[in-house]
Amino acid sequence: MNILHLKYATEIAKTKSISKAAENLFMGQPNLSRAIKELEEHIGITIFKRTSKGISVTDDGEEFLRYARRIIAQVEQVEDIYINGKRKVQQFSLSVPRAAYICEAFADFSMECT
């Protein structure tokens, strides 16, 4: 099981269609069906109940999808922080007219902060 399997399952649940999910994921429907079948075999539960009217999520599937959504959200947060450079770094800027008293006050302030 990998993060892609989790994304596949959540997309199917969102669209309620393997065909539509495959289209949204830019992949073939047979490949997506195979990936979900492998995922279900790997974790030992049936996530989706397949019927002639479409698919529905099983009770076990609902529980699995809650975990999958949390994991995906956490992975996206880590990517935002470390890969996309959105670390929360505080920056400080100061713009003042050049005057000796301001420079001295700022120097005193910065010494107090360290």
PDB file of N, CA and C in Angstrom:
ATOM      1  N   MET A   1       0.858  -1.175   0.000  1.00  0.00           N
ATOM      2  CA  MET A   1       0.000   0.000   0.000  1.00  0.00           C
ATOM      3  C   MET A   1       0.898   1.230   0.000  1.00  0.00           C
ATOM      4  N   ASN A   2       0.515   2.215  -0.810  1.00  0.00           N
ATOM      5  CA  ASN A   2       1.246   3.473  -0.820  1.00  0.00           C
ATOM      6  C   ASN A   2       0.260   4.631  -0.898  1.00  0.00           C
ATOM      7  N   ILE A   3       0.797   5.840  -0.884  1.00  0.00           N
ATOM      8  CA  ILE A   3      -0.058   7.030  -0.858  1.00  0.00           C
ATOM      9  C   ILE A   3      -0.960   7.103  -2.089  1.00  0.00           C
ATOM     10  N   LEU A   4      -0.491   6.599  -3.223  1.00  0.00           N
ATOM     11  CA  LEU A   4      -1.332   6.612  -4.427  1.00  0.00           C
ATOM     12  C   LEU A   4      -2.586   5.770  -4.240  1.00  0.00           C
ATOM     13  N   HIS A   5      -2.447   4.628  -3.591  1.00  0.00           N
ATOM     14  CA  HIS A   5      -3.623   3.787  -3.334  1.00  0.00           C
ATOM     15  C   HIS A   5      -4.661   4.545  -2.508  1.00  0.00           C
ATOM     16  N   LEU A   6      -4.180   5.305  -1.526  1.00  0.00           N
ATOM     17  CA  LEU A   6      -5.095   6.078  -0.690  1.00  0.00           C
ATOM     18  C   LEU A   6      -5.795   7.156  -1.511  1.00  0.00           C
ATOM     19  N   LYS A   7      -5.037   7.803  -2.388  1.00  0.00           N
ATOM     20  CA  LYS A   7      -5.625   8.835  -3.248  1.00  0.00           C
ATOM     21  C   LYS A   7      -6.634   8.222  -4.214  1.00  0.00           C
ATOM     22  N   TYR A   8      -6.319   7.049  -4.737  1.00  0.00           N
ATOM     23  CA  TYR A   8      -7.252   6.375  -5.644  1.00  0.00           C
ATOM     24  C   TYR A   8      -8.573   6.090  -4.931  1.00  0.00           C
ATOM     25  N   ALA A   9      -8.475   5.526  -3.739  1.00  0.00           N
ATOM     26  CA  ALA A   9      -9.682   5.147  -2.998  1.00  0.00           C
ATOM     27  C   ALA A   9     -10.521   6.372  -2.648  1.00  0.00           C
ATOM     28  N   THR A  10      -9.876   7.445  -2.226  1.00  0.00           N
ATOM     29  CA  THR A  10     -10.647   8.635  -1.862  1.00  0.00           C
ATOM     30  C   THR A  10     -11.292   9.285  -3.089  1.00  0.00           C
ATOM     31  N   GLU A  11     -10.633   9.209  -4.222  1.00  0.00           N
ATOM     32  CA  GLU A  11     -11.225   9.778  -5.448  1.00  0.00           C
ATOM     33  C   GLU A  11     -12.436   8.967  -5.888  1.00  0.00           C
ATOM     34  N   ILE A  12     -12.354   7.655  -5.778  1.00  0.00           N
ATOM     35  CA  ILE A  12     -13.501   6.803  -6.129  1.00  0.00           C
ATOM     36  C   ILE A  12     -14.672   7.106  -5.201  1.00  0.00           C
ATOM     37  N   ALA A  13     -14.388   7.229  -3.917  1.00  0.00           N
ATOM     38  CA  ALA A  13     -15.457   7.536  -2.957  1.00  0.00           C
ATOM     39  C   ALA A  13     -16.078   8.895  -3.254  1.00  0.00           C
ATOM     40  N   LYS A  14     -15.255   9.848  -3.634  1.00  0.00           N
ATOM     41  CA  LYS A  14     -15.752  11.194  -3.928  1.00  0.00           C
ATOM     42  C   LYS A  14     -16.639  11.214  -5.174  1.00  0.00           C
ATOM     43  N   THR A  15     -16.215  10.523  -6.217  1.00  0.00           N
ATOM     44  CA  THR A  15     -16.965  10.546  -7.474  1.00  0.00           C
ATOM     45  C   THR A  15     -18.060   9.489  -7.532  1.00  0.00           C
ATOM     46  N   LYS A  16     -17.964   8.480  -6.650  1.00  0.00           N
ATOM     47  CA  LYS A  16     -18.910   7.355  -6.625  1.00  0.00           C
ATOM     48  C   LYS A  16     -18.920   6.600  -7.954  1.00  0.00           C
ATOM     49  N   SER A  17     -17.759   6.639  -8.644  1.00  0.00           N
ATOM     50  CA  SER A  17     -17.638   5.972  -9.934  1.00  0.00           C
ATOM     51  C   SER A  17     -16.167   5.687 -10.213  1.00  0.00           C
ATOM     52  N   ILE A  18     -15.879   4.434 -10.534  1.00  0.00           N
ATOM     53  CA  ILE A  18     -14.500   4.088 -10.876  1.00  0.00           C
ATOM     54  C   ILE A  18     -14.114   4.737 -12.202  1.00  0.00           C
ATOM     55  N   SER A  19     -15.020   4.759 -13.149  1.00  0.00           N
ATOM     56  CA  SER A  19     -14.738   5.373 -14.453  1.00  0.00           C
ATOM     57  C   SER A  19     -14.441   6.863 -14.324  1.00  0.00           C
ATOM     58  N   LYS A  20     -15.278   7.580 -13.582  1.00  0.00           N
ATOM     59  CA  LYS A  20     -15.080   9.020 -13.398  1.00  0.00           C
ATOM     60  C   LYS A  20     -13.801   9.286 -12.610  1.00  0.00           C
ATOM     61  N   ALA A  21     -13.544   8.472 -11.593  1.00  0.00           N
ATOM     62  CA  ALA A  21     -12.319   8.632 -10.806  1.00  0.00           C
ATOM     63  C   ALA A  21     -11.094   8.406 -11.685  1.00  0.00           C
ATOM     64  N   ALA A  22     -11.140   7.391 -12.534  1.00  0.00           N
ATOM     65  CA  ALA A  22     -10.019   7.111 -13.439  1.00  0.00           C
ATOM     66  C   ALA A  22      -9.785   8.297 -14.369  1.00  0.00           C
ATOM     67  N   GLU A  23     -10.856   8.876 -14.852  1.00  0.00           N
ATOM     68  CA  GLU A  23     -10.750  10.051 -15.721  1.00  0.00           C
ATOM     69  C   GLU A  23     -10.104  11.215 -14.967  1.00  0.00           C
ATOM     70  N   ASN A  24     -10.544  11.458 -13.736  1.00  0.00           N
ATOM     71  CA  ASN A  24      -9.990  12.547 -12.922  1.00  0.00           C
ATOM     72  C   ASN A  24      -8.524  12.313 -12.576  1.00  0.00           C
ATOM     73  N   LEU A  25      -8.149  11.045 -12.439  1.00  0.00           N
ATOM     74  CA  LEU A  25      -6.769  10.683 -12.088  1.00  0.00           C
ATOM     75  C   LEU A  25      -5.878  10.507 -13.316  1.00  0.00           C
ATOM     76  N   PHE A  26      -6.457  10.704 -14.504  1.00  0.00           N
ATOM     77  CA  PHE A  26      -5.727  10.566 -15.770  1.00  0.00           C
ATOM     78  C   PHE A  26      -5.105   9.184 -15.915  1.00  0.00           C
ATOM     79  N   MET A  27      -5.930   8.174 -15.672  1.00  0.00           N
ATOM     80  CA  MET A  27      -5.470   6.796 -15.827  1.00  0.00           C
ATOM     81  C   MET A  27      -6.602   5.950 -16.390  1.00  0.00           C
ATOM     82  N   GLY A  28      -6.273   4.771 -16.827  1.00  0.00           N
ATOM     83  CA  GLY A  28      -7.281   3.877 -17.369  1.00  0.00           C
ATOM     84  C   GLY A  28      -8.117   3.237 -16.276  1.00  0.00           C
ATOM     85  N   GLN A  29      -9.385   3.010 -16.570  1.00  0.00           N
ATOM     86  CA  GLN A  29     -10.290   2.393 -15.603  1.00  0.00           C
ATOM     87  C   GLN A  29      -9.836   0.991 -15.200  1.00  0.00           C
ATOM     88  N   PRO A  30      -9.345   0.146 -16.134  1.00  0.00           N
ATOM     89  CA  PRO A  30      -8.887  -1.186 -15.709  1.00  0.00           C
ATOM     90  C   PRO A  30      -7.719  -1.127 -14.723  1.00  0.00           C
ATOM     91  N   ASN A  31      -6.809  -0.175 -14.940  1.00  0.00           N
ATOM     92  CA  ASN A  31      -5.671  -0.041 -14.020  1.00  0.00           C
ATOM     93  C   ASN A  31      -6.117   0.410 -12.640  1.00  0.00           C
ATOM     94  N   LEU A  32      -7.074   1.328 -12.593  1.00  0.00           N
ATOM     95  CA  LEU A  32      -7.587   1.790 -11.306  1.00  0.00           C
ATOM     96  C   LEU A  32      -8.330   0.667 -10.588  1.00  0.00           C
ATOM     97  N   SER A  33      -9.154  -0.076 -11.310  1.00  0.00           N
ATOM     98  CA  SER A  33      -9.875  -1.210 -10.709  1.00  0.00           C
ATOM     99  C   SER A  33      -8.900  -2.227 -10.141  1.00  0.00           C
ATOM    100  N   ARG A  34      -7.855  -2.509 -10.898  1.00  0.00           N
ATOM    101  CA  ARG A  34      -6.840  -3.476 -10.451  1.00  0.00           C
ATOM    102  C   ARG A  34      -6.122  -2.971  -9.195  1.00  0.00           C
ATOM    103  N   ALA A  35      -5.783  -1.682  -9.175  1.00  0.00           N
ATOM    104  CA  ALA A  35      -5.098  -1.112  -8.017  1.00  0.00           C
ATOM    105  C   ALA A  35      -5.972  -1.191  -6.767  1.00  0.00           C
ATOM    106  N   ILE A  36      -7.259  -0.917  -6.905  1.00  0.00           N
ATOM    107  CA  ILE A  36      -8.161  -0.984  -5.751  1.00  0.00           C
ATOM    108  C   ILE A  36      -8.336  -2.429  -5.291  1.00  0.00           C
ATOM    109  N   LYS A  37      -8.436  -3.350  -6.229  1.00  0.00           N
ATOM    110  CA  LYS A  37      -8.559  -4.761  -5.870  1.00  0.00           C
ATOM    111  C   LYS A  37      -7.310  -5.218  -5.107  1.00  0.00           C
ATOM    112  N   GLU A  38      -6.128  -4.805  -5.570  1.00  0.00           N
ATOM    113  CA  GLU A  38      -4.885  -5.144  -4.879  1.00  0.00           C
ATOM    114  C   GLU A  38      -4.857  -4.530  -3.481  1.00  0.00           C
ATOM    115  N   LEU A  39      -5.317  -3.282  -3.360  1.00  0.00           N
ATOM    116  CA  LEU A  39      -5.367  -2.620  -2.057  1.00  0.00           C
ATOM    117  C   LEU A  39      -6.291  -3.378  -1.108  1.00  0.00           C
ATOM    118  N   GLU A  40      -7.474  -3.735  -1.591  1.00  0.00           N
ATOM    119  CA  GLU A  40      -8.431  -4.472  -0.758  1.00  0.00           C
ATOM    120  C   GLU A  40      -7.851  -5.817  -0.319  1.00  0.00           C
ATOM    121  N   GLU A  41      -7.165  -6.500  -1.216  1.00  0.00           N
ATOM    122  CA  GLU A  41      -6.542  -7.778  -0.857  1.00  0.00           C
ATOM    123  C   GLU A  41      -5.425  -7.573   0.158  1.00  0.00           C
ATOM    124  N   HIS A  42      -4.653  -6.513  -0.025  1.00  0.00           N
ATOM    125  CA  HIS A  42      -3.523  -6.244   0.873  1.00  0.00           C
ATOM    126  C   HIS A  42      -3.981  -5.950   2.303  1.00  0.00           C
ATOM    127  N   ILE A  43      -5.035  -5.134   2.444  1.00  0.00           N
ATOM    128  CA  ILE A  43      -5.480  -4.772   3.793  1.00  0.00           C
ATOM    129  C   ILE A  43      -6.547  -5.717   4.339  1.00  0.00           C
ATOM    130  N   GLY A  44      -7.086  -6.570   3.484  1.00  0.00           N
ATOM    131  CA  GLY A  44      -8.008  -7.594   3.944  1.00  0.00           C
ATOM    132  C   GLY A  44      -9.442  -7.149   4.182  1.00  0.00           C
ATOM    133  N   ILE A  45      -9.859  -6.064   3.556  1.00  0.00           N
ATOM    134  CA  ILE A  45     -11.258  -5.620   3.667  1.00  0.00           C
ATOM    135  C   ILE A  45     -11.782  -5.268   2.282  1.00  0.00           C
ATOM    136  N   THR A  46     -13.096  -5.197   2.174  1.00  0.00           N
ATOM    137  CA  THR A  46     -13.723  -4.705   0.956  1.00  0.00           C
ATOM    138  C   THR A  46     -14.083  -3.251   1.194  1.00  0.00           C
ATOM    139  N   ILE A  47     -13.474  -2.363   0.423  1.00  0.00           N
ATOM    140  CA  ILE A  47     -13.719  -0.932   0.591  1.00  0.00           C
ATOM    141  C   ILE A  47     -14.992  -0.523  -0.149  1.00  0.00           C
ATOM    142  N   PHE A  48     -15.138  -1.051  -1.366  1.00  0.00           N
ATOM    143  CA  PHE A  48     -16.262  -0.675  -2.213  1.00  0.00           C
ATOM    144  C   PHE A  48     -17.104  -1.887  -2.569  1.00  0.00           C
ATOM    145  N   LYS A  49     -18.406  -1.703  -2.491  1.00  0.00           N
ATOM    146  CA  LYS A  49     -19.343  -2.729  -2.932  1.00  0.00           C
ATOM    147  C   LYS A  49     -19.734  -2.375  -4.364  1.00  0.00           C
ATOM    148  N   ARG A  50     -19.464  -3.282  -5.273  1.00  0.00           N
ATOM    149  CA  ARG A  50     -19.742  -3.037  -6.681  1.00  0.00           C
ATOM    150  C   ARG A  50     -21.081  -3.656  -7.048  1.00  0.00           C
ATOM    151  N   THR A  51     -21.958  -2.852  -7.638  1.00  0.00           N
ATOM    152  CA  THR A  51     -23.268  -3.332  -8.081  1.00  0.00           C
ATOM    153  C   THR A  51     -23.497  -2.863  -9.508  1.00  0.00           C
ATOM    154  N   SER A  52     -24.597  -3.314 -10.089  1.00  0.00           N
ATOM    155  CA  SER A  52     -24.927  -2.890 -11.448  1.00  0.00           C
ATOM    156  C   SER A  52     -25.290  -1.405 -11.492  1.00  0.00           C
ATOM    157  N   LYS A  53     -25.657  -0.833 -10.350  1.00  0.00           N
ATOM    158  CA  LYS A  53     -26.021   0.581 -10.278  1.00  0.00           C
ATOM    159  C   LYS A  53     -24.833   1.479  -9.936  1.00  0.00           C
ATOM    160  N   GLY A  54     -23.671   0.897  -9.773  1.00  0.00           N
ATOM    161  CA  GLY A  54     -22.489   1.680  -9.422  1.00  0.00           C
ATOM    162  C   GLY A  54     -21.788   1.097  -8.214  1.00  0.00           C
ATOM    163  N   ILE A  55     -21.113   1.934  -7.479  1.00  0.00           N
ATOM    164  CA  ILE A  55     -20.405   1.469  -6.299  1.00  0.00           C
ATOM    165  C   ILE A  55     -20.907   2.207  -5.063  1.00  0.00           C
ATOM    166  N   SER A  56     -20.723   1.562  -3.941  1.00  0.00           N
ATOM    167  CA  SER A  56     -21.003   2.200  -2.662  1.00  0.00           C
ATOM    168  C   SER A  56     -19.888   1.800  -1.707  1.00  0.00           C
ATOM    169  N   VAL A  57     -19.721   2.582  -0.689  1.00  0.00           N
ATOM    170  CA  VAL A  57     -18.659   2.342   0.283  1.00  0.00           C
ATOM    171  C   VAL A  57     -19.193   1.447   1.389  1.00  0.00           C
ATOM    172  N   THR A  58     -18.438   0.418   1.730  1.00  0.00           N
ATOM    173  CA  THR A  58     -18.821  -0.490   2.818  1.00  0.00           C
ATOM    174  C   THR A  58     -18.541   0.190   4.160  1.00  0.00           C
ATOM    175  N   ASP A  59     -19.010  -0.414   5.231  1.00  0.00           N
ATOM    176  CA  ASP A  59     -18.727   0.128   6.570  1.00  0.00           C
ATOM    177  C   ASP A  59     -17.228   0.128   6.845  1.00  0.00           C
ATOM    178  N   ASP A  60     -16.563  -0.989   6.520  1.00  0.00           N
ATOM    179  CA  ASP A  60     -15.109  -1.045   6.671  1.00  0.00           C
ATOM    180  C   ASP A  60     -14.443   0.006   5.788  1.00  0.00           C
ATOM    181  N   GLY A  61     -14.986   0.190   4.606  1.00  0.00           N
ATOM    182  CA  GLY A  61     -14.459   1.183   3.676  1.00  0.00           C
ATOM    183  C   GLY A  61     -14.566   2.587   4.221  1.00  0.00           C
ATOM    184  N   GLU A  62     -15.674   2.906   4.879  1.00  0.00           N
ATOM    185  CA  GLU A  62     -15.847   4.234   5.480  1.00  0.00           C
ATOM    186  C   GLU A  62     -14.755   4.499   6.508  1.00  0.00           C
ATOM    187  N   GLU A  63     -14.502   3.512   7.350  1.00  0.00           N
ATOM    188  CA  GLU A  63     -13.457   3.656   8.363  1.00  0.00           C
ATOM    189  C   GLU A  63     -12.092   3.825   7.697  1.00  0.00           C
ATOM    190  N   PHE A  64     -11.806   2.993   6.714  1.00  0.00           N
ATOM    191  CA  PHE A  64     -10.542   3.081   5.991  1.00  0.00           C
ATOM    192  C   PHE A  64     -10.384   4.455   5.347  1.00  0.00           C
ATOM    193  N   LEU A  65     -11.434   4.961   4.723  1.00  0.00           N
ATOM    194  CA  LEU A  65     -11.363   6.247   4.035  1.00  0.00           C
ATOM    195  C   LEU A  65     -11.154   7.411   5.003  1.00  0.00           C
ATOM    196  N   ARG A  66     -11.689   7.317   6.210  1.00  0.00           N
ATOM    197  CA  ARG A  66     -11.429   8.365   7.207  1.00  0.00           C
ATOM    198  C   ARG A  66      -9.936   8.437   7.495  1.00  0.00           C
ATOM    199  N   TYR A  67      -9.312   7.279   7.698  1.00  0.00           N
ATOM    200  CA  TYR A  67      -7.864   7.244   7.935  1.00  0.00           C
ATOM    201  C   TYR A  67      -7.107   7.725   6.693  1.00  0.00           C
ATOM    202  N   ALA A  68      -7.530   7.280   5.531  1.00  0.00           N
ATOM    203  CA  ALA A  68      -6.845   7.641   4.288  1.00  0.00           C
ATOM    204  C   ALA A  68      -6.862   9.155   4.082  1.00  0.00           C
ATOM    205  N   ARG A  69      -7.992   9.786   4.336  1.00  0.00           N
ATOM    206  CA  ARG A  69      -8.089  11.247   4.157  1.00  0.00           C
ATOM    207  C   ARG A  69      -7.162  11.971   5.124  1.00  0.00           C
ATOM    208  N   ARG A  70      -7.077  11.497   6.353  1.00  0.00           N
ATOM    209  CA  ARG A  70      -6.177  12.115   7.335  1.00  0.00           C
ATOM    210  C   ARG A  70      -4.721  11.968   6.910  1.00  0.00           C
ATOM    211  N   ILE A  71      -4.365  10.782   6.438  1.00  0.00           N
ATOM    212  CA  ILE A  71      -2.991  10.533   6.006  1.00  0.00           C
ATOM    213  C   ILE A  71      -2.643  11.424   4.821  1.00  0.00           C
ATOM    214  N   ILE A  72      -3.540  11.513   3.854  1.00  0.00           N
ATOM    215  CA  ILE A  72      -3.298  12.362   2.679  1.00  0.00           C
ATOM    216  C   ILE A  72      -3.121  13.817   3.108  1.00  0.00           C
ATOM    217  N   ALA A  73      -3.958  14.293   4.013  1.00  0.00           N
ATOM    218  CA  ALA A  73      -3.856  15.672   4.494  1.00  0.00           C
ATOM    219  C   ALA A  73      -2.513  15.909   5.177  1.00  0.00           C
ATOM    220  N   GLN A  74      -2.060  14.938   5.975  1.00  0.00           N
ATOM    221  CA  GLN A  74      -0.779  15.075   6.657  1.00  0.00           C
ATOM    222  C   GLN A  74       0.389  15.072   5.667  1.00  0.00           C
ATOM    223  N   VAL A  75       0.324  14.224   4.666  1.00  0.00           N
ATOM    224  CA  VAL A  75       1.373  14.191   3.643  1.00  0.00           C
ATOM    225  C   VAL A  75       1.418  15.526   2.907  1.00  0.00           C
ATOM    226  N   GLU A  76       0.261  16.076   2.576  1.00  0.00           N
ATOM    227  CA  GLU A  76       0.212  17.367   1.891  1.00  0.00           C
ATOM    228  C   GLU A  76       0.784  18.482   2.763  1.00  0.00           C
ATOM    229  N   GLN A  77       0.536  18.424   4.078  1.00  0.00           N
ATOM    230  CA  GLN A  77       1.099  19.419   4.984  1.00  0.00           C
ATOM    231  C   GLN A  77       2.623  19.331   5.009  1.00  0.00           C
ATOM    232  N   VAL A  78       3.151  18.125   5.076  1.00  0.00           N
ATOM    233  CA  VAL A  78       4.598  17.938   5.078  1.00  0.00           C
ATOM    234  C   VAL A  78       5.195  18.449   3.771  1.00  0.00           C
ATOM    235  N   GLU A  79       4.538  18.141   2.651  1.00  0.00           N
ATOM    236  CA  GLU A  79       5.027  18.622   1.360  1.00  0.00           C
ATOM    237  C   GLU A  79       5.008  20.147   1.302  1.00  0.00           C
ATOM    238  N   ASP A  80       3.955  20.762   1.824  1.00  0.00           N
ATOM    239  CA  ASP A  80       3.878  22.221   1.831  1.00  0.00           C
ATOM    240  C   ASP A  80       5.013  22.824   2.660  1.00  0.00           C
ATOM    241  N   ILE A  81       5.307  22.216   3.776  1.00  0.00           N
ATOM    242  CA  ILE A  81       6.339  22.752   4.660  1.00  0.00           C
ATOM    243  C   ILE A  81       7.732  22.572   4.054  1.00  0.00           C
ATOM    244  N   TYR A  82       8.049  21.369   3.619  1.00  0.00           N
ATOM    245  CA  TYR A  82       9.426  21.070   3.251  1.00  0.00           C
ATOM    246  C   TYR A  82       9.712  21.106   1.754  1.00  0.00           C
ATOM    247  N   ILE A  83       8.778  20.724   0.940  1.00  0.00           N
ATOM    248  CA  ILE A  83       9.036  20.687  -0.496  1.00  0.00           C
ATOM    249  C   ILE A  83       8.680  22.021  -1.142  1.00  0.00           C
ATOM    250  N   ASN A  84       7.549  22.558  -0.794  1.00  0.00           N
ATOM    251  CA  ASN A  84       7.087  23.790  -1.423  1.00  0.00           C
ATOM    252  C   ASN A  84       7.594  25.046  -0.718  1.00  0.00           C
ATOM    253  N   GLY A  85       8.380  24.869   0.333  1.00  0.00           N
ATOM    254  CA  GLY A  85       9.011  26.007   1.000  1.00  0.00           C
ATOM    255  C   GLY A  85       8.081  26.919   1.748  1.00  0.00           C
ATOM    256  N   LYS A  86       6.992  26.399   2.262  1.00  0.00           N
ATOM    257  CA  LYS A  86       6.059  27.247   2.991  1.00  0.00           C
ATOM    258  C   LYS A  86       6.297  27.167   4.497  1.00  0.00           C
ATOM    259  N   ARG A  87       7.555  27.079   4.877  1.00  0.00           N
ATOM    260  CA  ARG A  87       7.866  27.055   6.301  1.00  0.00           C
ATOM    261  C   ARG A  87       7.460  28.387   6.917  1.00  0.00           C
ATOM    262  N   LYS A  88       7.004  28.322   8.108  1.00  0.00           N
ATOM    263  CA  LYS A  88       6.573  29.542   8.778  1.00  0.00           C
ATOM    264  C   LYS A  88       7.790  30.202   9.422  1.00  0.00           C
ATOM    265  N   VAL A  89       8.417  31.077   8.662  1.00  0.00           N
ATOM    266  CA  VAL A  89       9.584  31.806   9.135  1.00  0.00           C
ATOM    267  C   VAL A  89       9.165  33.248   9.348  1.00  0.00           C
ATOM    268  N   GLN A  90       9.417  33.732  10.528  1.00  0.00           N
ATOM    269  CA  GLN A  90       9.068  35.112  10.803  1.00  0.00           C
ATOM    270  C   GLN A  90      10.150  36.019  10.226  1.00  0.00           C
ATOM    271  N   GLN A  91       9.717  37.076   9.596  1.00  0.00           N
ATOM    272  CA  GLN A  91      10.634  38.056   9.053  1.00  0.00           C
ATOM    273  C   GLN A  91      10.329  39.400   9.686  1.00  0.00           C
ATOM    274  N   PHE A  92      11.366  40.191   9.777  1.00  0.00           N
ATOM    275  CA  PHE A  92      11.220  41.505  10.386  1.00  0.00           C
ATOM    276  C   PHE A  92      11.877  42.520   9.460  1.00  0.00           C
ATOM    277  N   SER A  93      11.165  43.560   9.123  1.00  0.00           N
ATOM    278  CA  SER A  93      11.703  44.625   8.282  1.00  0.00           C
ATOM    279  C   SER A  93      11.486  45.949   8.986  1.00  0.00           C
ATOM    280  N   LEU A  94      12.424  46.859   8.750  1.00  0.00           N
ATOM    281  CA  LEU A  94      12.328  48.162   9.384  1.00  0.00           C
ATOM    282  C   LEU A  94      12.798  49.207   8.394  1.00  0.00           C
ATOM    283  N   SER A  95      12.040  50.242   8.266  1.00  0.00           N
ATOM    284  CA  SER A  95      12.404  51.335   7.380  1.00  0.00           C
ATOM    285  C   SER A  95      12.206  52.638   8.137  1.00  0.00           C
ATOM    286  N   VAL A  96      13.310  53.365   8.366  1.00  0.00           N
ATOM    287  CA  VAL A  96      13.244  54.626   9.119  1.00  0.00           C
ATOM    288  C   VAL A  96      14.181  55.633   8.468  1.00  0.00           C
ATOM    289  N   PRO A  97      13.939  56.893   8.730  1.00  0.00           N
ATOM    290  CA  PRO A  97      14.904  57.885   8.244  1.00  0.00           C
ATOM    291  C   PRO A  97      16.224  57.737   9.006  1.00  0.00           C
ATOM    292  N   ARG A  98      17.299  58.063   8.343  1.00  0.00           N
ATOM    293  CA  ARG A  98      18.608  57.907   8.972  1.00  0.00           C
ATOM    294  C   ARG A  98      18.778  58.981  10.050  1.00  0.00           C
ATOM    295  N   ALA A  99      18.869  58.509  11.269  1.00  0.00           N
ATOM    296  CA  ALA A  99      19.071  59.403  12.401  1.00  0.00           C
ATOM    297  C   ALA A  99      19.780  58.619  13.486  1.00  0.00           C
ATOM    298  N   ALA A 100      20.689  59.253  14.165  1.00  0.00           N
ATOM    299  CA  ALA A 100      21.518  58.577  15.160  1.00  0.00           C
ATOM    300  C   ALA A 100      20.684  57.999  16.286  1.00  0.00           C
ATOM    301  N   TYR A 101      19.684  58.743  16.763  1.00  0.00           N
ATOM    302  CA  TYR A 101      18.885  58.251  17.891  1.00  0.00           C
ATOM    303  C   TYR A 101      18.100  57.001  17.533  1.00  0.00           C
ATOM    304  N   ILE A 102      17.656  56.877  16.277  1.00  0.00           N
ATOM    305  CA  ILE A 102      16.915  55.692  15.850  1.00  0.00           C
ATOM    306  C   ILE A 102      17.857  54.495  15.778  1.00  0.00           C
ATOM    307  N   CYS A 103      19.037  54.706  15.235  1.00  0.00           N
ATOM    308  CA  CYS A 103      20.018  53.614  15.154  1.00  0.00           C
ATOM    309  C   CYS A 103      20.380  53.101  16.541  1.00  0.00           C
ATOM    310  N   GLU A 104      20.583  54.023  17.489  1.00  0.00           N
ATOM    311  CA  GLU A 104      20.930  53.621  18.859  1.00  0.00           C
ATOM    312  C   GLU A 104      19.778  52.860  19.507  1.00  0.00           C
ATOM    313  N   ALA A 105      18.548  53.337  19.323  1.00  0.00           N
ATOM    314  CA  ALA A 105      17.375  52.655  19.903  1.00  0.00           C
ATOM    315  C   ALA A 105      17.220  51.271  19.322  1.00  0.00           C
ATOM    316  N   PHE A 106      17.414  51.149  18.021  1.00  0.00           N
ATOM    317  CA  PHE A 106      17.294  49.822  17.381  1.00  0.00           C
ATOM    318  C   PHE A 106      18.404  48.891  17.853  1.00  0.00           C
ATOM    319  N   ALA A 107      19.605  49.405  17.989  1.00  0.00           N
ATOM    320  CA  ALA A 107      20.726  48.595  18.468  1.00  0.00           C
ATOM    321  C   ALA A 107      20.464  48.110  19.882  1.00  0.00           C
ATOM    322  N   ASP A 108      19.933  48.998  20.732  1.00  0.00           N
ATOM    323  CA  ASP A 108      19.594  48.602  22.111  1.00  0.00           C
ATOM    324  C   ASP A 108      18.511  47.540  22.109  1.00  0.00           C
ATOM    325  N   PHE A 109      17.513  47.735  21.248  1.00  0.00           N
ATOM    326  CA  PHE A 109      16.404  46.759  21.153  1.00  0.00           C
ATOM    327  C   PHE A 109      16.910  45.393  20.698  1.00  0.00           C
ATOM    328  N   SER A 110      17.747  45.368  19.674  1.00  0.00           N
ATOM    329  CA  SER A 110      18.229  44.085  19.156  1.00  0.00           C
ATOM    330  C   SER A 110      19.131  43.387  20.162  1.00  0.00           C
ATOM    331  N   MET A 111      19.830  44.131  20.980  1.00  0.00           N
ATOM    332  CA  MET A 111      20.668  43.505  22.021  1.00  0.00           C
ATOM    333  C   MET A 111      19.796  42.867  23.091  1.00  0.00           C
ATOM    334  N   GLU A 112      18.638  43.460  23.379  1.00  0.00           N
ATOM    335  CA  GLU A 112      17.730  42.914  24.376  1.00  0.00           C
ATOM    336  C   GLU A 112      17.080  41.626  23.885  1.00  0.00           C
ATOM    337  N   CYS A 113      16.901  41.495  22.573  1.00  0.00           N
ATOM    338  CA  CYS A 113      16.223  40.329  21.996  1.00  0.00           C
ATOM    339  C   CYS A 113      17.135  39.123  21.899  1.00  0.00           C
ATOM    340  N   THR A 114      18.423  39.318  21.966  1.00  0.00           N
ATOM    341  CA  THR A 114      19.336  38.172  21.812  1.00  0.00           C
ATOM    342  C   THR A 114      19.740  37.575  23.103  1.00  0.00           C
TER     343      THR A 114
END
